Amino acid sequence: MFSIRLPRNLEEKLESLAEKEGRTRSELVKEALTEYLAQREETRSAFARGSDLFGRHGSGAGNLSRDYKRLLKVKLHAKMPR
């Protein structure tokens, strides 16, 4: 167990929230600290965190990165024919 000093405005906000939710200040502080520590322990890379989102809305064309110059040229010529 330990004690902590909070700025007056933070302590007032905590007290207000505790009354509003019908919980103790200790419960709220424990919950907030648990969430904070869980976020800090997150060691996955940004790629790993978003990997379930990558490639979900693909174009279906698997050659876009390889043929980008040719595809760009085709698009530009279609827009501005000589």
Protein backbone atom coordinates (compact mmCIF):
# COMPACT_ATOMS: atom_id res chain seq x y z
CA MET A 1 0.00 0.00 0.00
CA PHE A 2 1.17 3.55 -0.65
CA SER A 3 -0.11 7.10 -0.55
CA ILE A 4 -0.10 9.58 -3.36
CA ARG A 5 -0.62 13.33 -3.44
CA LEU A 6 -2.86 14.63 -6.18
CA PRO A 7 -3.39 18.19 -7.34
CA ARG A 8 -6.61 19.58 -5.90
CA ASN A 9 -8.41 19.73 -9.27
CA LEU A 10 -7.56 16.09 -10.03
CA GLU A 11 -8.68 14.98 -6.60
CA GLU A 12 -11.99 16.85 -7.04
CA LYS A 13 -12.57 15.21 -10.43
CA LEU A 14 -11.81 11.80 -8.95
CA GLU A 15 -14.17 12.37 -6.04
CA SER A 16 -16.92 13.58 -8.37
CA LEU A 17 -16.56 10.56 -10.64
CA ALA A 18 -16.53 8.18 -7.69
CA GLU A 19 -19.79 9.64 -6.38
CA LYS A 20 -21.36 9.61 -9.85
CA GLU A 21 -20.46 5.94 -10.45
CA GLY A 22 -21.05 4.81 -6.88
CA ARG A 23 -17.51 3.50 -6.54
CA THR A 24 -14.60 4.30 -4.29
CA ARG A 25 -11.70 6.49 -5.32
CA SER A 26 -9.39 3.52 -4.76
CA GLU A 27 -11.36 1.40 -7.23
CA LEU A 28 -11.13 4.09 -9.88
CA VAL A 29 -7.40 4.63 -9.33
CA LYS A 30 -6.71 0.87 -9.45
CA GLU A 31 -8.70 0.52 -12.67
CA ALA A 32 -6.96 3.49 -14.31
CA LEU A 33 -3.52 2.29 -13.23
CA THR A 34 -4.21 -1.24 -14.46
CA GLU A 35 -5.25 0.06 -17.89
CA TYR A 36 -2.26 2.41 -18.07
CA LEU A 37 0.22 -0.34 -17.20
CA ALA A 38 -1.36 -2.73 -19.70
CA GLN A 39 -0.93 -0.15 -22.45
CA ARG A 40 2.69 0.48 -21.48
CA GLU A 41 3.45 -3.25 -21.53
CA GLU A 42 2.24 -3.49 -25.12
CA THR A 43 5.36 -4.49 -27.03
CA ARG A 44 3.92 -5.38 -30.41
CA SER A 45 5.14 -3.31 -33.33
CA ALA A 46 2.86 -0.91 -35.15
CA PHE A 47 2.69 -3.40 -38.03
CA ALA A 48 1.64 -6.22 -35.70
CA ARG A 49 -1.06 -4.06 -34.12
CA GLY A 50 -2.58 -3.20 -37.51
CA SER A 51 -1.91 -6.45 -39.34
CA ASP A 52 -5.58 -7.49 -39.20
CA LEU A 53 -6.44 -4.32 -41.16
CA PHE A 54 -3.84 -4.55 -43.92
CA GLY A 55 -5.00 -5.86 -47.26
CA ARG A 56 -8.65 -6.02 -46.28
CA HIS A 57 -9.78 -3.79 -49.11
CA GLY A 58 -7.45 -4.78 -51.88
CA SER A 59 -7.89 -3.95 -55.52
CA GLY A 60 -7.55 -7.55 -56.56
CA ALA A 61 -4.58 -6.66 -58.76
CA GLY A 62 -1.41 -8.19 -57.39
CA ASN A 63 0.93 -6.34 -59.72
CA LEU A 64 0.41 -2.73 -58.61
CA SER A 65 3.76 -2.25 -56.94
CA ARG A 66 5.68 -3.95 -59.73
CA ASP A 67 3.94 -2.26 -62.67
CA TYR A 68 3.17 1.15 -61.19
CA LYS A 69 5.09 3.12 -63.84
CA ARG A 70 3.32 1.42 -66.72
CA LEU A 71 -0.08 1.74 -65.02
CA LEU A 72 0.52 5.42 -64.30
CA LYS A 73 1.48 6.04 -67.90
CA VAL A 74 -1.73 4.35 -69.09
CA LYS A 75 -3.83 6.52 -66.74
CA LEU A 76 -2.11 9.72 -67.80
CA HIS A 77 -2.48 8.96 -71.50
CA ALA A 78 -6.17 8.20 -70.95
CA LYS A 79 -6.64 11.58 -69.28
CA MET A 80 -4.61 13.61 -71.75
CA PRO A 81 -4.49 12.00 -75.16
CA ARG A 82 -2.06 13.60 -77.60
